[in-house]
Amino acid sequence: IVTVSAWLVFVVTLEVNDFRQRLMATFDDSTADNKTSRRYTAALSAIQYGMYDAFIDWGLTYTICYGIVGGITWYNADPNLVAVIWGFSMMSSALIFAVAGLKIPAWLGYYRKSQLKTIRDTSGFASSAVEDWINQDCSTTAFRYQARLGVGKHFSQFVYFLLPFYVSLKFWWFLLSILVGFVGGHLFLYVVFKCRQRFSHNRGRVAIGASAFIAICSSICFMFGVWVVDDVWRNSIGRELLLLPIAFFSWLAIFGLFQVLKSYEHKKHPTEEMDDQLFG
């Protein structure tokens, strides 16, 4: 829940920036009349309120899902099952770390945007929504709804994924996990912004170093998850001495393979647009 919350902070920020930047690119303050300026201001506000609408929609959805699963399993969950779920939650966190590690070179501006878009930061709603708004084919209310859908798409991806991790989870831990993820997501955003500003001439080294650091953190997280699950399921003592190094280095090798493929994708199928545009 912590890593999902942090990831949502990050991608929702990019989603909102995508809407804003596409909208701002269409507006010229020196030539706009009062009516156009008011409409433009209203559209910017619509993006913000659309984001709030999505927060309310999916905040209620997540809370209801937690209430059902957590309420049913509040007292009678099997401790071994809870431990296994906790182990798999660590592996899932490792996966989210890995995706962030694959994207960090692009976020730091080391890659140009790929034509293939195998891992997308945004929903894709902004392009058509802004175009319709420019052509006056949609009202400000409809534009707000598009922003709501764009932000909501990111939340919808984790609704079913998180259900098992609500088992026997106490309400205060549920809230604390969201809070820690919220703070961690903003901290990660801050670090990315600062790295882009400070290392404009050495982004390649910084990107490789950051990706390697996240890869190691992801592998440790995966190894720890394997250890927790194996501690419940194992049949022989001492097997973890072999299993844990295999888990760590296997995950690290898989990450390295995907990073090579991602690098190839960006270098062989680039566009003229830098992939860090959403941080501008």
C-alpha atoms as a PDB file:
ATOM      1  CA  ILE A   1       0.000   0.000   0.000  1.00  0.00           C
ATOM      2  CA  VAL A   2       2.901   2.334   0.772  1.00  0.00           C
ATOM      3  CA  THR A   3       4.590   1.854  -2.606  1.00  0.00           C
ATOM      4  CA  VAL A   4       1.307   2.008  -4.537  1.00  0.00           C
ATOM      5  CA  SER A   5       0.409   5.275  -2.777  1.00  0.00           C
ATOM      6  CA  ALA A   6       3.838   6.720  -3.582  1.00  0.00           C
ATOM      7  CA  TRP A   7       3.553   5.615  -7.212  1.00  0.00           C
ATOM      8  CA  LEU A   8       0.102   7.192  -7.532  1.00  0.00           C
ATOM      9  CA  VAL A   9       1.410  10.512  -6.187  1.00  0.00           C
ATOM     10  CA  PHE A  10       4.031  10.452  -8.887  1.00  0.00           C
ATOM     11  CA  VAL A  11       1.914   9.452 -11.896  1.00  0.00           C
ATOM     12  CA  VAL A  12      -1.029  11.666 -10.913  1.00  0.00           C
ATOM     13  CA  THR A  13       1.361  14.631 -10.804  1.00  0.00           C
ATOM     14  CA  LEU A  14       2.585  13.746 -14.293  1.00  0.00           C
ATOM     15  CA  GLU A  15      -0.991  13.325 -15.508  1.00  0.00           C
ATOM     16  CA  VAL A  16      -2.029  16.757 -14.254  1.00  0.00           C
ATOM     17  CA  ASN A  17       1.128  18.306 -15.714  1.00  0.00           C
ATOM     18  CA  ASP A  18       0.321  16.711 -19.062  1.00  0.00           C
ATOM     19  CA  PHE A  19      -3.087  18.404 -19.118  1.00  0.00           C
ATOM     20  CA  ARG A  20      -1.647  21.739 -18.001  1.00  0.00           C
ATOM     21  CA  GLN A  21       1.277  21.810 -20.398  1.00  0.00           C
ATOM     22  CA  ARG A  22      -0.834  20.886 -23.408  1.00  0.00           C
ATOM     23  CA  LEU A  23      -3.322  23.572 -22.438  1.00  0.00           C
ATOM     24  CA  MET A  24      -0.653  26.209 -21.803  1.00  0.00           C
ATOM     25  CA  ALA A  25       0.952  25.489 -25.169  1.00  0.00           C
ATOM     26  CA  THR A  26      -2.256  26.611 -26.902  1.00  0.00           C
ATOM     27  CA  PHE A  27      -2.597  29.930 -25.089  1.00  0.00           C
ATOM     28  CA  ASP A  28      -0.914  33.180 -26.090  1.00  0.00           C
ATOM     29  CA  ASP A  29      -1.526  35.881 -23.499  1.00  0.00           C
ATOM     30  CA  SER A  30      -0.392  38.681 -25.812  1.00  0.00           C
ATOM     31  CA  THR A  31      -3.084  38.004 -28.411  1.00  0.00           C
ATOM     32  CA  ALA A  32      -5.903  36.564 -26.291  1.00  0.00           C
ATOM     33  CA  ASP A  33      -9.017  38.631 -25.611  1.00  0.00           C
ATOM     34  CA  ASN A  34     -10.808  38.726 -22.270  1.00  0.00           C
ATOM     35  CA  LYS A  35     -13.229  35.947 -23.160  1.00  0.00           C
ATOM     36  CA  THR A  36     -10.406  33.608 -24.213  1.00  0.00           C
ATOM     37  CA  SER A  37      -8.410  34.436 -21.079  1.00  0.00           C
ATOM     38  CA  ARG A  38     -11.386  33.676 -18.850  1.00  0.00           C
ATOM     39  CA  ARG A  39     -12.008  30.409 -20.669  1.00  0.00           C
ATOM     40  CA  TYR A  40      -8.362  29.466 -20.341  1.00  0.00           C
ATOM     41  CA  THR A  41      -8.371  30.214 -16.600  1.00  0.00           C
ATOM     42  CA  ALA A  42     -11.533  28.185 -16.193  1.00  0.00           C
ATOM     43  CA  ALA A  43      -9.916  25.255 -17.993  1.00  0.00           C
ATOM     44  CA  LEU A  44      -6.904  25.349 -15.666  1.00  0.00           C
ATOM     45  CA  SER A  45      -9.248  25.306 -12.691  1.00  0.00           C
ATOM     46  CA  ALA A  46     -11.185  22.453 -14.296  1.00  0.00           C
ATOM     47  CA  ILE A  47      -8.026  20.339 -14.357  1.00  0.00           C
ATOM     48  CA  GLN A  48      -7.489  20.892 -10.645  1.00  0.00           C
ATOM     49  CA  TYR A  49     -11.099  20.175  -9.739  1.00  0.00           C
ATOM     50  CA  GLY A  50     -11.135  17.140 -12.011  1.00  0.00           C
ATOM     51  CA  MET A  51      -8.204  15.809 -10.002  1.00  0.00           C
ATOM     52  CA  TYR A  52     -10.129  16.443  -6.762  1.00  0.00           C
ATOM     53  CA  ASP A  53     -13.148  14.631  -8.220  1.00  0.00           C
ATOM     54  CA  ALA A  54     -10.978  11.607  -8.988  1.00  0.00           C
ATOM     55  CA  PHE A  55      -9.546  11.672  -5.455  1.00  0.00           C
ATOM     56  CA  ILE A  56     -13.061  11.556  -4.018  1.00  0.00           C
ATOM     57  CA  ASP A  57     -14.235   8.837  -6.421  1.00  0.00           C
ATOM     58  CA  TRP A  58     -11.338   6.497  -5.891  1.00  0.00           C
ATOM     59  CA  GLY A  59     -10.741   7.385  -2.256  1.00  0.00           C
ATOM     60  CA  LEU A  60     -14.259   6.159  -1.505  1.00  0.00           C
ATOM     61  CA  THR A  61     -13.748   3.105  -3.727  1.00  0.00           C
ATOM     62  CA  TYR A  62     -10.526   2.088  -1.998  1.00  0.00           C
ATOM     63  CA  THR A  63     -12.042   2.717   1.446  1.00  0.00           C
ATOM     64  CA  ILE A  64     -15.091   0.584   0.669  1.00  0.00           C
ATOM     65  CA  CYS A  65     -12.912  -2.232  -0.679  1.00  0.00           C
ATOM     66  CA  TYR A  66     -10.748  -2.067   2.424  1.00  0.00           C
ATOM     67  CA  GLY A  67     -13.834  -1.995   4.653  1.00  0.00           C
ATOM     68  CA  ILE A  68     -15.192  -5.175   3.089  1.00  0.00           C
ATOM     69  CA  VAL A  69     -11.969  -7.218   3.021  1.00  0.00           C
ATOM     70  CA  GLY A  70     -10.465  -5.812   6.212  1.00  0.00           C
ATOM     71  CA  GLY A  71     -13.755  -6.051   8.093  1.00  0.00           C
ATOM     72  CA  ILE A  72     -14.333  -9.704   7.180  1.00  0.00           C
ATOM     73  CA  THR A  73     -10.778 -10.716   8.110  1.00  0.00           C
ATOM     74  CA  TRP A  74     -10.263  -8.371  11.069  1.00  0.00           C
ATOM     75  CA  TYR A  75     -10.076 -11.137  13.710  1.00  0.00           C
ATOM     76  CA  ASN A  76     -10.168 -14.550  12.032  1.00  0.00           C
ATOM     77  CA  ALA A  77      -7.367 -14.423   9.440  1.00  0.00           C
ATOM     78  CA  ASP A  78      -4.847 -17.265   9.550  1.00  0.00           C
ATOM     79  CA  PRO A  79      -1.466 -15.889  10.782  1.00  0.00           C
ATOM     80  CA  ASN A  80       0.432 -17.966   8.222  1.00  0.00           C
ATOM     81  CA  LEU A  81      -1.767 -16.574   5.452  1.00  0.00           C
ATOM     82  CA  VAL A  82      -1.132 -13.028   6.672  1.00  0.00           C
ATOM     83  CA  ALA A  83       2.616 -13.678   6.667  1.00  0.00           C
ATOM     84  CA  VAL A  84       2.500 -15.039   3.114  1.00  0.00           C
ATOM     85  CA  ILE A  85       0.476 -12.029   1.957  1.00  0.00           C
ATOM     86  CA  TRP A  86       3.015  -9.748   3.598  1.00  0.00           C
ATOM     87  CA  GLY A  87       5.793 -11.548   1.725  1.00  0.00           C
ATOM     88  CA  PHE A  88       3.997 -11.156  -1.574  1.00  0.00           C
ATOM     89  CA  SER A  89       3.397  -7.488  -0.778  1.00  0.00           C
ATOM     90  CA  MET A  90       7.170  -7.060  -0.533  1.00  0.00           C
ATOM     91  CA  MET A  91       7.589  -8.740  -3.929  1.00  0.00           C
ATOM     92  CA  SER A  92       4.905  -6.465  -5.379  1.00  0.00           C
ATOM     93  CA  SER A  93       6.711  -3.445  -3.948  1.00  0.00           C
ATOM     94  CA  ALA A  94       9.885  -4.730  -5.595  1.00  0.00           C
ATOM     95  CA  LEU A  95       8.053  -4.733  -8.923  1.00  0.00           C
ATOM     96  CA  ILE A  96       6.938  -1.125  -8.493  1.00  0.00           C
ATOM     97  CA  PHE A  97      10.499  -0.168  -7.549  1.00  0.00           C
ATOM     98  CA  ALA A  98      11.718  -1.936 -10.690  1.00  0.00           C
ATOM     99  CA  VAL A  99       9.308  -0.030 -12.943  1.00  0.00           C
ATOM    100  CA  ALA A 100      10.477   3.233 -11.370  1.00  0.00           C
ATOM    101  CA  GLY A 101      14.079   2.153 -11.953  1.00  0.00           C
ATOM    102  CA  LEU A 102      13.347   1.479 -15.616  1.00  0.00           C
ATOM    103  CA  LYS A 103      11.752   4.905 -16.009  1.00  0.00           C
ATOM    104  CA  ILE A 104      14.229   7.005 -14.025  1.00  0.00           C
ATOM    105  CA  PRO A 105      16.640   7.615 -16.963  1.00  0.00           C
ATOM    106  CA  ALA A 106      13.722   8.987 -18.984  1.00  0.00           C
ATOM    107  CA  TRP A 107      12.439  11.080 -16.083  1.00  0.00           C
ATOM    108  CA  LEU A 108      15.904  12.608 -15.648  1.00  0.00           C
ATOM    109  CA  GLY A 109      15.987  13.586 -19.312  1.00  0.00           C
ATOM    110  CA  TYR A 110      18.619  11.072 -20.403  1.00  0.00           C
ATOM    111  CA  TYR A 111      16.377   9.535 -23.096  1.00  0.00           C
ATOM    112  CA  ARG A 112      14.278  11.039 -25.808  1.00  0.00           C
ATOM    113  CA  LYS A 113      10.661   9.953 -25.793  1.00  0.00           C
ATOM    114  CA  SER A 114      10.135   6.546 -27.393  1.00  0.00           C
ATOM    115  CA  GLN A 115       7.659   5.968 -30.194  1.00  0.00           C
ATOM    116  CA  LEU A 116       6.737   2.565 -28.732  1.00  0.00           C
ATOM    117  CA  LYS A 117       5.578   3.792 -25.299  1.00  0.00           C
ATOM    118  CA  THR A 118       5.855   0.400 -23.606  1.00  0.00           C
ATOM    119  CA  ILE A 119       5.507   1.983 -20.151  1.00  0.00           C
ATOM    120  CA  ARG A 120       3.335   5.086 -20.196  1.00  0.00           C
ATOM    121  CA  ASP A 121       3.382   7.795 -17.552  1.00  0.00           C
ATOM    122  CA  THR A 122       0.031   9.299 -18.533  1.00  0.00           C
ATOM    123  CA  SER A 123      -3.409   8.064 -19.540  1.00  0.00           C
ATOM    124  CA  GLY A 124      -3.469   9.723 -22.972  1.00  0.00           C
ATOM    125  CA  PHE A 125      -6.707  11.599 -22.244  1.00  0.00           C
ATOM    126  CA  ALA A 126      -5.033  15.020 -22.270  1.00  0.00           C
ATOM    127  CA  SER A 127      -4.293  15.172 -25.991  1.00  0.00           C
ATOM    128  CA  SER A 128      -7.860  14.664 -27.230  1.00  0.00           C
ATOM    129  CA  ALA A 129      -9.380  16.632 -24.334  1.00  0.00           C
ATOM    130  CA  VAL A 130      -7.279  19.737 -25.025  1.00  0.00           C
ATOM    131  CA  GLU A 131      -7.888  19.448 -28.764  1.00  0.00           C
ATOM    132  CA  ASP A 132     -11.653  19.318 -28.219  1.00  0.00           C
ATOM    133  CA  TRP A 133     -11.421  22.267 -25.845  1.00  0.00           C
ATOM    134  CA  ILE A 134      -9.472  24.327 -28.407  1.00  0.00           C
ATOM    135  CA  ASN A 135     -12.024  23.556 -31.111  1.00  0.00           C
ATOM    136  CA  GLN A 136     -14.784  24.415 -28.606  1.00  0.00           C
ATOM    137  CA  ASP A 137     -16.242  20.946 -29.051  1.00  0.00           C
ATOM    138  CA  CYS A 138     -16.527  20.512 -25.280  1.00  0.00           C
ATOM    139  CA  SER A 139     -17.539  22.683 -22.354  1.00  0.00           C
ATOM    140  CA  THR A 140     -15.413  23.401 -19.315  1.00  0.00           C
ATOM    141  CA  THR A 141     -17.497  20.844 -17.406  1.00  0.00           C
ATOM    142  CA  ALA A 142     -16.735  18.186 -20.017  1.00  0.00           C
ATOM    143  CA  PHE A 143     -13.046  19.131 -19.917  1.00  0.00           C
ATOM    144  CA  ARG A 144     -13.085  18.731 -16.138  1.00  0.00           C
ATOM    145  CA  TYR A 145     -14.608  15.280 -16.588  1.00  0.00           C
ATOM    146  CA  GLN A 146     -11.789  14.294 -18.955  1.00  0.00           C
ATOM    147  CA  ALA A 147      -9.225  15.340 -16.344  1.00  0.00           C
ATOM    148  CA  ARG A 148     -11.180  13.303 -13.814  1.00  0.00           C
ATOM    149  CA  LEU A 149     -11.026  10.245 -16.066  1.00  0.00           C
ATOM    150  CA  GLY A 150      -7.332  10.736 -16.776  1.00  0.00           C
ATOM    151  CA  VAL A 151      -6.406  10.849 -13.102  1.00  0.00           C
ATOM    152  CA  GLY A 152      -8.881   8.124 -12.236  1.00  0.00           C
ATOM    153  CA  LYS A 153      -7.352   5.727 -14.750  1.00  0.00           C
ATOM    154  CA  HIS A 154      -4.207   5.506 -12.629  1.00  0.00           C
ATOM    155  CA  PHE A 155      -6.208   4.730  -9.495  1.00  0.00           C
ATOM    156  CA  SER A 156      -8.301   2.105 -11.290  1.00  0.00           C
ATOM    157  CA  GLN A 157      -5.212   0.025 -12.096  1.00  0.00           C
ATOM    158  CA  PHE A 158      -4.678  -0.949  -8.447  1.00  0.00           C
ATOM    159  CA  VAL A 159      -8.210  -1.553  -7.144  1.00  0.00           C
ATOM    160  CA  TYR A 160      -8.191  -5.345  -7.508  1.00  0.00           C
ATOM    161  CA  PHE A 161      -4.445  -5.622  -7.079  1.00  0.00           C
ATOM    162  CA  LEU A 162      -4.583  -4.312  -3.502  1.00  0.00           C
ATOM    163  CA  LEU A 163      -7.506  -6.449  -2.299  1.00  0.00           C
ATOM    164  CA  PRO A 164      -5.394  -9.333  -0.881  1.00  0.00           C
ATOM    165  CA  PHE A 165      -3.233  -6.882   1.055  1.00  0.00           C
ATOM    166  CA  TYR A 166      -6.220  -5.640   3.057  1.00  0.00           C
ATOM    167  CA  VAL A 167      -6.542  -9.013   4.791  1.00  0.00           C
ATOM    168  CA  SER A 168      -6.363  -8.544   8.594  1.00  0.00           C
ATOM    169  CA  LEU A 169      -5.024  -5.015   8.074  1.00  0.00           C
ATOM    170  CA  LYS A 170      -6.018  -2.711  10.896  1.00  0.00           C
ATOM    171  CA  PHE A 171      -7.536   0.625   9.958  1.00  0.00           C
ATOM    172  CA  TRP A 172      -4.778   2.716  11.511  1.00  0.00           C
ATOM    173  CA  TRP A 173      -2.150   0.799   9.510  1.00  0.00           C
ATOM    174  CA  PHE A 174      -4.210   1.371   6.380  1.00  0.00           C
ATOM    175  CA  LEU A 175      -4.207   5.143   6.968  1.00  0.00           C
ATOM    176  CA  LEU A 176      -0.559   5.202   8.036  1.00  0.00           C
ATOM    177  CA  SER A 177       0.491   3.303   4.902  1.00  0.00           C
ATOM    178  CA  ILE A 178      -1.279   5.837   2.690  1.00  0.00           C
ATOM    179  CA  LEU A 179       0.295   8.730   4.598  1.00  0.00           C
ATOM    180  CA  VAL A 180       3.811   7.281   4.362  1.00  0.00           C
ATOM    181  CA  GLY A 181       3.327   6.605   0.656  1.00  0.00           C
ATOM    182  CA  PHE A 182       2.018  10.134   0.108  1.00  0.00           C
ATOM    183  CA  VAL A 183       5.064  11.659   1.795  1.00  0.00           C
ATOM    184  CA  GLY A 184       7.455   9.245   0.070  1.00  0.00           C
ATOM    185  CA  GLY A 185       5.958   9.968  -3.354  1.00  0.00           C
ATOM    186  CA  HIS A 186       6.404  13.707  -2.927  1.00  0.00           C
ATOM    187  CA  LEU A 187       9.939  13.184  -1.646  1.00  0.00           C
ATOM    188  CA  PHE A 188      10.754  11.135  -4.731  1.00  0.00           C
ATOM    189  CA  LEU A 189       9.280  13.878  -6.930  1.00  0.00           C
ATOM    190  CA  TYR A 190      11.420  16.461  -5.157  1.00  0.00           C
ATOM    191  CA  VAL A 191      14.590  14.408  -5.666  1.00  0.00           C
ATOM    192  CA  VAL A 192      13.864  13.977  -9.389  1.00  0.00           C
ATOM    193  CA  PHE A 193      13.256  17.719  -9.814  1.00  0.00           C
ATOM    194  CA  LYS A 194      16.453  18.604  -7.981  1.00  0.00           C
ATOM    195  CA  CYS A 195      18.527  16.094  -9.942  1.00  0.00           C
ATOM    196  CA  ARG A 196      17.221  17.510 -13.219  1.00  0.00           C
ATOM    197  CA  GLN A 197      18.103  21.037 -12.156  1.00  0.00           C
ATOM    198  CA  ARG A 198      21.521  20.299 -10.692  1.00  0.00           C
ATOM    199  CA  PHE A 199      22.887  17.657 -13.074  1.00  0.00           C
ATOM    200  CA  SER A 200      21.962  19.101 -16.450  1.00  0.00           C
ATOM    201  CA  HIS A 201      25.356  18.151 -17.932  1.00  0.00           C
ATOM    202  CA  ASN A 202      25.870  14.760 -16.267  1.00  0.00           C
ATOM    203  CA  ARG A 203      22.433  13.280 -16.541  1.00  0.00           C
ATOM    204  CA  GLY A 204      23.720  10.058 -18.047  1.00  0.00           C
ATOM    205  CA  ARG A 205      25.855   9.168 -15.038  1.00  0.00           C
ATOM    206  CA  VAL A 206      23.203  10.281 -12.581  1.00  0.00           C
ATOM    207  CA  ALA A 207      20.527   8.304 -14.416  1.00  0.00           C
ATOM    208  CA  ILE A 208      22.644   5.138 -14.473  1.00  0.00           C
ATOM    209  CA  GLY A 209      23.575   5.548 -10.813  1.00  0.00           C
ATOM    210  CA  ALA A 210      19.979   6.188  -9.737  1.00  0.00           C
ATOM    211  CA  SER A 211      18.734   3.247 -11.794  1.00  0.00           C
ATOM    212  CA  ALA A 212      21.372   0.957 -10.265  1.00  0.00           C
ATOM    213  CA  PHE A 213      20.490   2.110  -6.734  1.00  0.00           C
ATOM    214  CA  ILE A 214      16.775   1.490  -7.300  1.00  0.00           C
ATOM    215  CA  ALA A 215      17.596  -1.905  -8.842  1.00  0.00           C
ATOM    216  CA  ILE A 216      19.495  -2.937  -5.703  1.00  0.00           C
ATOM    217  CA  CYS A 217      16.662  -1.691  -3.455  1.00  0.00           C
ATOM    218  CA  SER A 218      14.147  -3.578  -5.586  1.00  0.00           C
ATOM    219  CA  SER A 219      16.210  -6.771  -5.415  1.00  0.00           C
ATOM    220  CA  ILE A 220      16.558  -6.515  -1.631  1.00  0.00           C
ATOM    221  CA  CYS A 221      12.815  -5.990  -1.325  1.00  0.00           C
ATOM    222  CA  PHE A 222      12.136  -9.010  -3.544  1.00  0.00           C
ATOM    223  CA  MET A 223      14.626 -11.152  -1.619  1.00  0.00           C
ATOM    224  CA  PHE A 224      13.037 -10.174   1.690  1.00  0.00           C
ATOM    225  CA  GLY A 225       9.592 -11.076   0.341  1.00  0.00           C
ATOM    226  CA  VAL A 226      10.879 -14.466  -0.787  1.00  0.00           C
ATOM    227  CA  TRP A 227      12.422 -14.997   2.647  1.00  0.00           C
ATOM    228  CA  VAL A 228       9.118 -14.240   4.427  1.00  0.00           C
ATOM    229  CA  VAL A 229       7.126 -16.604   2.187  1.00  0.00           C
ATOM    230  CA  ASP A 230       9.772 -19.315   2.415  1.00  0.00           C
ATOM    231  CA  ASP A 231       9.830 -19.003   6.199  1.00  0.00           C
ATOM    232  CA  VAL A 232       6.192 -20.109   6.211  1.00  0.00           C
ATOM    233  CA  TRP A 233       6.358 -22.715   3.432  1.00  0.00           C
ATOM    234  CA  ARG A 234       9.840 -24.211   3.721  1.00  0.00           C
ATOM    235  CA  ASN A 235      10.350 -27.895   4.488  1.00  0.00           C
ATOM    236  CA  SER A 236      14.087 -27.921   5.231  1.00  0.00           C
ATOM    237  CA  ILE A 237      16.228 -25.787   7.529  1.00  0.00           C
ATOM    238  CA  GLY A 238      19.017 -23.808   5.907  1.00  0.00           C
ATOM    239  CA  ARG A 239      17.525 -23.743   2.436  1.00  0.00           C
ATOM    240  CA  GLU A 240      17.318 -19.942   2.548  1.00  0.00           C
ATOM    241  CA  LEU A 241      21.117 -19.769   2.461  1.00  0.00           C
ATOM    242  CA  LEU A 242      20.879 -20.806  -1.186  1.00  0.00           C
ATOM    243  CA  LEU A 243      17.429 -19.452  -2.037  1.00  0.00           C
ATOM    244  CA  LEU A 244      17.961 -15.830  -0.986  1.00  0.00           C
ATOM    245  CA  PRO A 245      21.107 -15.140  -3.059  1.00  0.00           C
ATOM    246  CA  ILE A 246      19.417 -16.785  -6.045  1.00  0.00           C
ATOM    247  CA  ALA A 247      16.342 -14.574  -5.564  1.00  0.00           C
ATOM    248  CA  PHE A 248      18.455 -11.427  -5.220  1.00  0.00           C
ATOM    249  CA  PHE A 249      20.727 -11.955  -8.216  1.00  0.00           C
ATOM    250  CA  SER A 250      17.976 -13.395 -10.429  1.00  0.00           C
ATOM    251  CA  TRP A 251      15.803 -10.335  -9.849  1.00  0.00           C
ATOM    252  CA  LEU A 252      18.798  -8.062 -10.417  1.00  0.00           C
ATOM    253  CA  ALA A 253      19.624  -9.864 -13.676  1.00  0.00           C
ATOM    254  CA  ILE A 254      16.021  -9.598 -14.900  1.00  0.00           C
ATOM    255  CA  PHE A 255      16.032  -5.879 -14.088  1.00  0.00           C
ATOM    256  CA  GLY A 256      19.300  -5.429 -15.979  1.00  0.00           C
ATOM    257  CA  LEU A 257      17.886  -7.237 -19.019  1.00  0.00           C
ATOM    258  CA  PHE A 258      14.796  -5.030 -19.102  1.00  0.00           C
ATOM    259  CA  GLN A 259      16.916  -1.910 -18.628  1.00  0.00           C
ATOM    260  CA  VAL A 260      18.997  -2.888 -21.662  1.00  0.00           C
ATOM    261  CA  LEU A 261      15.809  -3.454 -23.682  1.00  0.00           C
ATOM    262  CA  LYS A 262      14.395  -0.120 -22.489  1.00  0.00           C
ATOM    263  CA  SER A 263      17.609   1.668 -23.457  1.00  0.00           C
ATOM    264  CA  TYR A 264      17.492   0.026 -26.888  1.00  0.00           C
ATOM    265  CA  GLU A 265      13.876   1.102 -27.308  1.00  0.00           C
ATOM    266  CA  HIS A 266      14.608   4.751 -26.597  1.00  0.00           C
ATOM    267  CA  LYS A 267      17.749   4.879 -28.719  1.00  0.00           C
ATOM    268  CA  LYS A 268      16.370   3.012 -31.745  1.00  0.00           C
ATOM    269  CA  HIS A 269      12.843   4.453 -31.732  1.00  0.00           C
ATOM    270  CA  PRO A 270      13.228   8.037 -30.457  1.00  0.00           C
ATOM    271  CA  THR A 271      11.090  11.065 -31.175  1.00  0.00           C
ATOM    272  CA  GLU A 272      12.275  14.671 -31.182  1.00  0.00           C
ATOM    273  CA  GLU A 273      10.615  15.221 -27.815  1.00  0.00           C
ATOM    274  CA  MET A 274      12.510  14.738 -24.563  1.00  0.00           C
ATOM    275  CA  ASP A 275      10.852  12.287 -22.167  1.00  0.00           C
ATOM    276  CA  ASP A 276      11.215  14.637 -19.200  1.00  0.00           C
ATOM    277  CA  GLN A 277       8.773  17.189 -20.602  1.00  0.00           C
ATOM    278  CA  LEU A 278       6.218  16.554 -17.876  1.00  0.00           C
ATOM    279  CA  PHE A 279       8.662  17.855 -15.279  1.00  0.00           C
ATOM    280  CA  GLY A 280       8.969  21.249 -16.914  1.00  0.00           C
END
